[in-house]
C-alpha atoms as a PDB file:
ATOM      1  CA  MET A   1      -0.003  -0.007  -0.002  1.00  0.00           C
ATOM      2  CA  LYS A   2       1.459   3.351  -1.005  1.00  0.00           C
ATOM      3  CA  PRO A   3       0.948   6.478   1.146  1.00  0.00           C
ATOM      4  CA  ALA A   4      -1.129   7.959  -1.692  1.00  0.00           C
ATOM      5  CA  ASP A   5      -3.657   5.153  -1.146  1.00  0.00           C
ATOM      6  CA  PHE A   6      -4.478   6.469   2.314  1.00  0.00           C
ATOM      7  CA  ARG A   7      -7.172   9.005   2.978  1.00  0.00           C
ATOM      8  CA  ALA A   8      -6.810  11.084   6.042  1.00  0.00           C
ATOM      9  CA  ASP A   9      -8.984  13.512   7.964  1.00  0.00           C
ATOM     10  CA  VAL A  10      -8.049  15.666  10.915  1.00  0.00           C
ATOM     11  CA  PHE A  11     -10.394  16.586  13.751  1.00  0.00           C
ATOM     12  CA  TYR A  12      -9.959  18.766  16.789  1.00  0.00           C
ATOM     13  CA  THR A  13     -11.667  18.068  20.110  1.00  0.00           C
ATOM     14  CA  ALA A  14     -11.847  20.333  23.153  1.00  0.00           C
ATOM     15  CA  SER A  15     -13.150  17.827  25.735  1.00  0.00           C
ATOM     16  CA  ALA A  16     -13.281  14.183  26.668  1.00  0.00           C
ATOM     17  CA  ASP A  17     -16.936  14.148  25.535  1.00  0.00           C
ATOM     18  CA  GLU A  18     -15.983  15.433  22.096  1.00  0.00           C
ATOM     19  CA  THR A  19     -13.185  12.853  21.818  1.00  0.00           C
ATOM     20  CA  ALA A  20     -15.580  10.074  22.819  1.00  0.00           C
ATOM     21  CA  GLY A  21     -18.134  11.451  20.396  1.00  0.00           C
ATOM     22  CA  LEU A  22     -15.653  11.184  17.514  1.00  0.00           C
ATOM     23  CA  GLY A  23     -14.982   7.541  18.534  1.00  0.00           C
ATOM     24  CA  LYS A  24     -18.725   6.894  18.549  1.00  0.00           C
ATOM     25  CA  MET A  25     -19.077   8.415  15.070  1.00  0.00           C
ATOM     26  CA  LEU A  26     -16.203   6.338  13.754  1.00  0.00           C
ATOM     27  CA  ALA A  27     -17.707   3.098  15.156  1.00  0.00           C
ATOM     28  CA  GLY A  28     -20.729   3.663  12.948  1.00  0.00           C
ATOM     29  CA  THR A  29     -18.493   3.357   9.843  1.00  0.00           C
ATOM     30  CA  LEU A  30     -16.898   0.046  10.831  1.00  0.00           C
ATOM     31  CA  LYS A  31     -17.787  -3.528   9.969  1.00  0.00           C
ATOM     32  CA  ALA A  32     -16.902  -6.851  11.534  1.00  0.00           C
ATOM     33  CA  GLY A  33     -13.199  -7.587  11.117  1.00  0.00           C
ATOM     34  CA  SER A  34     -12.189  -3.915  11.244  1.00  0.00           C
ATOM     35  CA  VAL A  35      -8.995  -3.087  13.100  1.00  0.00           C
ATOM     36  CA  VAL A  36      -8.431   0.374  14.626  1.00  0.00           C
ATOM     37  CA  ALA A  37      -4.998   1.345  15.900  1.00  0.00           C
ATOM     38  CA  LEU A  38      -5.037   4.168  18.509  1.00  0.00           C
ATOM     39  CA  SER A  39      -1.702   5.936  18.689  1.00  0.00           C
ATOM     40  CA  GLY A  40      -0.765   8.731  21.100  1.00  0.00           C
ATOM     41  CA  GLY A  41       1.177   9.490  24.250  1.00  0.00           C
ATOM     42  CA  LEU A  42       0.140   8.864  27.835  1.00  0.00           C
ATOM     43  CA  GLY A  43      -3.074  10.759  28.598  1.00  0.00           C
ATOM     44  CA  ALA A  44      -3.767  11.612  24.959  1.00  0.00           C
ATOM     45  CA  GLY A  45      -7.274  10.142  25.078  1.00  0.00           C
ATOM     46  CA  LYS A  46      -6.910   6.686  23.524  1.00  0.00           C
ATOM     47  CA  THR A  47      -9.122   4.969  26.099  1.00  0.00           C
ATOM     48  CA  ILE A  48     -11.680   7.819  25.907  1.00  0.00           C
ATOM     49  CA  PHE A  49     -11.825   7.342  22.154  1.00  0.00           C
ATOM     50  CA  ALA A  50     -12.256   3.568  22.649  1.00  0.00           C
ATOM     51  CA  LYS A  51     -15.076   4.224  25.138  1.00  0.00           C
ATOM     52  CA  GLY A  52     -16.811   6.295  22.490  1.00  0.00           C
ATOM     53  CA  MET A  53     -16.396   3.501  19.955  1.00  0.00           C
ATOM     54  CA  ALA A  54     -17.996   1.096  22.452  1.00  0.00           C
ATOM     55  CA  LYS A  55     -21.006   3.443  22.839  1.00  0.00           C
ATOM     56  CA  GLY A  56     -21.281   3.596  19.059  1.00  0.00           C
ATOM     57  CA  LEU A  57     -21.464  -0.181  18.979  1.00  0.00           C
ATOM     58  CA  GLY A  58     -24.209  -0.297  21.544  1.00  0.00           C
ATOM     59  CA  ILE A  59     -21.994  -1.570  24.379  1.00  0.00           C
ATOM     60  CA  GLU A  60     -23.436  -0.600  27.755  1.00  0.00           C
ATOM     61  CA  GLU A  61     -20.709  -2.176  29.927  1.00  0.00           C
ATOM     62  CA  GLU A  62     -18.092   0.195  31.323  1.00  0.00           C
ATOM     63  CA  VAL A  63     -14.972   0.113  29.114  1.00  0.00           C
ATOM     64  CA  THR A  64     -11.678   0.449  30.925  1.00  0.00           C
ATOM     65  CA  SER A  65      -8.053   0.391  29.822  1.00  0.00           C
ATOM     66  CA  PRO A  66      -6.970  -3.256  29.424  1.00  0.00           C
ATOM     67  CA  THR A  67      -3.369  -2.470  30.440  1.00  0.00           C
ATOM     68  CA  TYR A  68      -2.971  -5.424  32.815  1.00  0.00           C
ATOM     69  CA  THR A  69      -5.255  -7.897  31.055  1.00  0.00           C
ATOM     70  CA  ILE A  70      -3.963  -7.037  27.514  1.00  0.00           C
ATOM     71  CA  VAL A  71      -7.385  -7.833  25.964  1.00  0.00           C
ATOM     72  CA  SER A  72     -10.880  -7.002  27.124  1.00  0.00           C
ATOM     73  CA  THR A  73     -13.884  -8.168  25.133  1.00  0.00           C
ATOM     74  CA  TYR A  74     -17.258  -6.452  25.106  1.00  0.00           C
ATOM     75  CA  GLU A  75     -20.498  -7.388  23.368  1.00  0.00           C
ATOM     76  CA  GLY A  76     -22.786  -5.025  21.471  1.00  0.00           C
ATOM     77  CA  ARG A  77     -23.903  -4.868  17.844  1.00  0.00           C
ATOM     78  CA  HIS A  78     -20.409  -6.222  17.177  1.00  0.00           C
ATOM     79  CA  ILE A  79     -17.931  -7.767  19.551  1.00  0.00           C
ATOM     80  CA  LEU A  80     -15.298  -5.219  20.539  1.00  0.00           C
ATOM     81  CA  ASN A  81     -11.821  -6.530  21.373  1.00  0.00           C
ATOM     82  CA  HIS A  82     -10.007  -3.738  23.223  1.00  0.00           C
ATOM     83  CA  ILE A  83      -6.297  -4.525  23.153  1.00  0.00           C
ATOM     84  CA  ASP A  84      -3.550  -2.709  25.022  1.00  0.00           C
ATOM     85  CA  ALA A  85      -0.155  -3.542  23.537  1.00  0.00           C
ATOM     86  CA  TYR A  86       1.777  -1.331  25.936  1.00  0.00           C
ATOM     87  CA  ARG A  87       3.144  -4.357  27.863  1.00  0.00           C
ATOM     88  CA  VAL A  88       3.599  -6.489  24.739  1.00  0.00           C
ATOM     89  CA  PRO A  89       7.311  -6.163  23.874  1.00  0.00           C
ATOM     90  CA  ASP A  90       7.101  -7.177  20.197  1.00  0.00           C
ATOM     91  CA  GLU A  91       5.137  -8.918  17.470  1.00  0.00           C
ATOM     92  CA  ARG A  92       6.454 -12.375  18.416  1.00  0.00           C
ATOM     93  CA  ASP A  93       5.079 -12.063  21.915  1.00  0.00           C
ATOM     94  CA  PHE A  94       1.783 -10.798  20.502  1.00  0.00           C
ATOM     95  CA  TYR A  95       1.558 -13.929  18.286  1.00  0.00           C
ATOM     96  CA  GLU A  96       2.494 -16.233  21.144  1.00  0.00           C
ATOM     97  CA  THR A  97      -0.264 -14.821  23.403  1.00  0.00           C
ATOM     98  CA  GLY A  98      -2.884 -15.436  20.674  1.00  0.00           C
ATOM     99  CA  GLY A  99      -3.277 -11.797  19.694  1.00  0.00           C
ATOM    100  CA  ARG A 100      -3.119 -12.483  15.991  1.00  0.00           C
ATOM    101  CA  ASP A 101      -6.093 -14.865  16.336  1.00  0.00           C
ATOM    102  CA  ILE A 102      -8.186 -12.065  17.858  1.00  0.00           C
ATOM    103  CA  ILE A 103      -7.712  -9.257  15.334  1.00  0.00           C
ATOM    104  CA  GLY A 104      -9.541  -9.393  12.060  1.00  0.00           C
ATOM    105  CA  GLU A 105     -12.022 -11.993  13.313  1.00  0.00           C
ATOM    106  CA  LYS A 106     -15.759 -11.568  13.762  1.00  0.00           C
ATOM    107  CA  GLY A 107     -15.515  -8.506  15.961  1.00  0.00           C
ATOM    108  CA  ILE A 108     -13.922  -5.119  15.764  1.00  0.00           C
ATOM    109  CA  SER A 109     -10.488  -4.722  17.348  1.00  0.00           C
ATOM    110  CA  VAL A 110      -9.286  -1.441  18.797  1.00  0.00           C
ATOM    111  CA  ILE A 111      -5.613  -1.449  19.805  1.00  0.00           C
ATOM    112  CA  GLU A 112      -3.851   1.019  22.113  1.00  0.00           C
ATOM    113  CA  TRP A 113      -0.065   1.342  21.750  1.00  0.00           C
ATOM    114  CA  PRO A 114      -0.110  -0.357  18.276  1.00  0.00           C
ATOM    115  CA  GLU A 115       3.441   0.774  17.515  1.00  0.00           C
ATOM    116  CA  HIS A 116       4.674  -2.229  19.560  1.00  0.00           C
ATOM    117  CA  ILE A 117       3.032  -4.694  17.167  1.00  0.00           C
ATOM    118  CA  ARG A 118       2.866  -2.714  13.905  1.00  0.00           C
ATOM    119  CA  SER A 119       4.003  -5.555  11.612  1.00  0.00           C
ATOM    120  CA  ALA A 120       1.366  -7.898  13.159  1.00  0.00           C
ATOM    121  CA  LEU A 121      -1.490  -5.652  12.036  1.00  0.00           C
ATOM    122  CA  PRO A 122      -3.304  -6.052   8.712  1.00  0.00           C
ATOM    123  CA  SER A 123      -2.651  -3.561   5.940  1.00  0.00           C
ATOM    124  CA  SER A 124      -6.294  -2.499   6.191  1.00  0.00           C
ATOM    125  CA  THR A 125      -5.785  -1.180   9.739  1.00  0.00           C
ATOM    126  CA  LEU A 126      -7.361   2.204  10.351  1.00  0.00           C
ATOM    127  CA  TRP A 127      -4.895   4.464  12.227  1.00  0.00           C
ATOM    128  CA  VAL A 128      -6.097   7.092  14.688  1.00  0.00           C
ATOM    129  CA  VAL A 129      -3.300   9.366  15.875  1.00  0.00           C
ATOM    130  CA  ILE A 130      -4.141  11.543  18.894  1.00  0.00           C
ATOM    131  CA  THR A 131      -1.898  14.498  19.766  1.00  0.00           C
ATOM    132  CA  ILE A 132      -2.295  16.821  22.754  1.00  0.00           C
ATOM    133  CA  LEU A 133      -1.941  20.433  21.664  1.00  0.00           C
ATOM    134  CA  ASP A 134      -0.497  23.216  23.812  1.00  0.00           C
ATOM    135  CA  ASP A 135      -3.974  24.596  24.533  1.00  0.00           C
ATOM    136  CA  GLY A 136      -5.183  21.125  25.762  1.00  0.00           C
ATOM    137  CA  ARG A 137      -7.265  20.313  22.731  1.00  0.00           C
ATOM    138  CA  ARG A 138      -6.685  17.034  20.905  1.00  0.00           C
ATOM    139  CA  ARG A 139      -5.703  16.785  17.260  1.00  0.00           C
ATOM    140  CA  ILE A 140      -7.056  13.495  15.962  1.00  0.00           C
ATOM    141  CA  GLN A 141      -5.905  12.299  12.563  1.00  0.00           C
ATOM    142  CA  ILE A 142      -7.706   9.337  11.049  1.00  0.00           C
ATOM    143  CA  GLU A 143      -5.997   7.476   8.215  1.00  0.00           C
ATOM    144  CA  SER A 144      -7.627   4.666   6.329  1.00  0.00           C
ATOM    145  CA  PRO A 145      -6.569   2.629   3.293  1.00  0.00           C
ATOM    146  CA  GLU A 146     -10.069   1.321   2.636  1.00  0.00           C
ATOM    147  CA  HIS A 147     -12.686   3.272   4.587  1.00  0.00           C
ATOM    148  CA  GLY A 148     -12.265   6.428   2.539  1.00  0.00           C
ATOM    149  CA  ARG A 149     -12.716   9.791   4.139  1.00  0.00           C
ATOM    150  CA  ILE A 150     -14.207   9.794   7.609  1.00  0.00           C
ATOM    151  CA  GLN A 151     -17.019  12.355   7.766  1.00  0.00           C
ATOM    152  CA  ALA A 152     -17.948  14.262  10.883  1.00  0.00           C
ATOM    153  CA  SER A 153     -21.534  14.725   9.826  1.00  0.00           C
ATOM    154  CA  GLU A 154     -23.127  13.086  12.881  1.00  0.00           C
END
């Protein structure tokens, strides 16, 4: 896949509710088997974004960061596999713990700290890059090789 094949959109959010709302909107564009990689520093809002995705999928259970469990699974209109790769040292370890069997299956997978397992992710992975700006807002860039442009019309 060449960089020119990607479509990207940039959004700015001023609150956790707005960040979650963008995640909820994005969830409405996904289908079973979709993989979403959430990239950003500590406190950027990755888990808030994932919580919004869960709401968009009709999940009522409280979504928390799966840092110590690595994978948390929730049921809604689609299964949501929330993966935290922060403590996964590399792709080999991800494969050995069964991570490759989870992503791209029936559900939707959202992965925090995907940089640790980049080569284990499918080429169709949708990348969400969250950056904290000096004024506290979040700059959220969504890049997708197959979903086209993500519209904020909701």
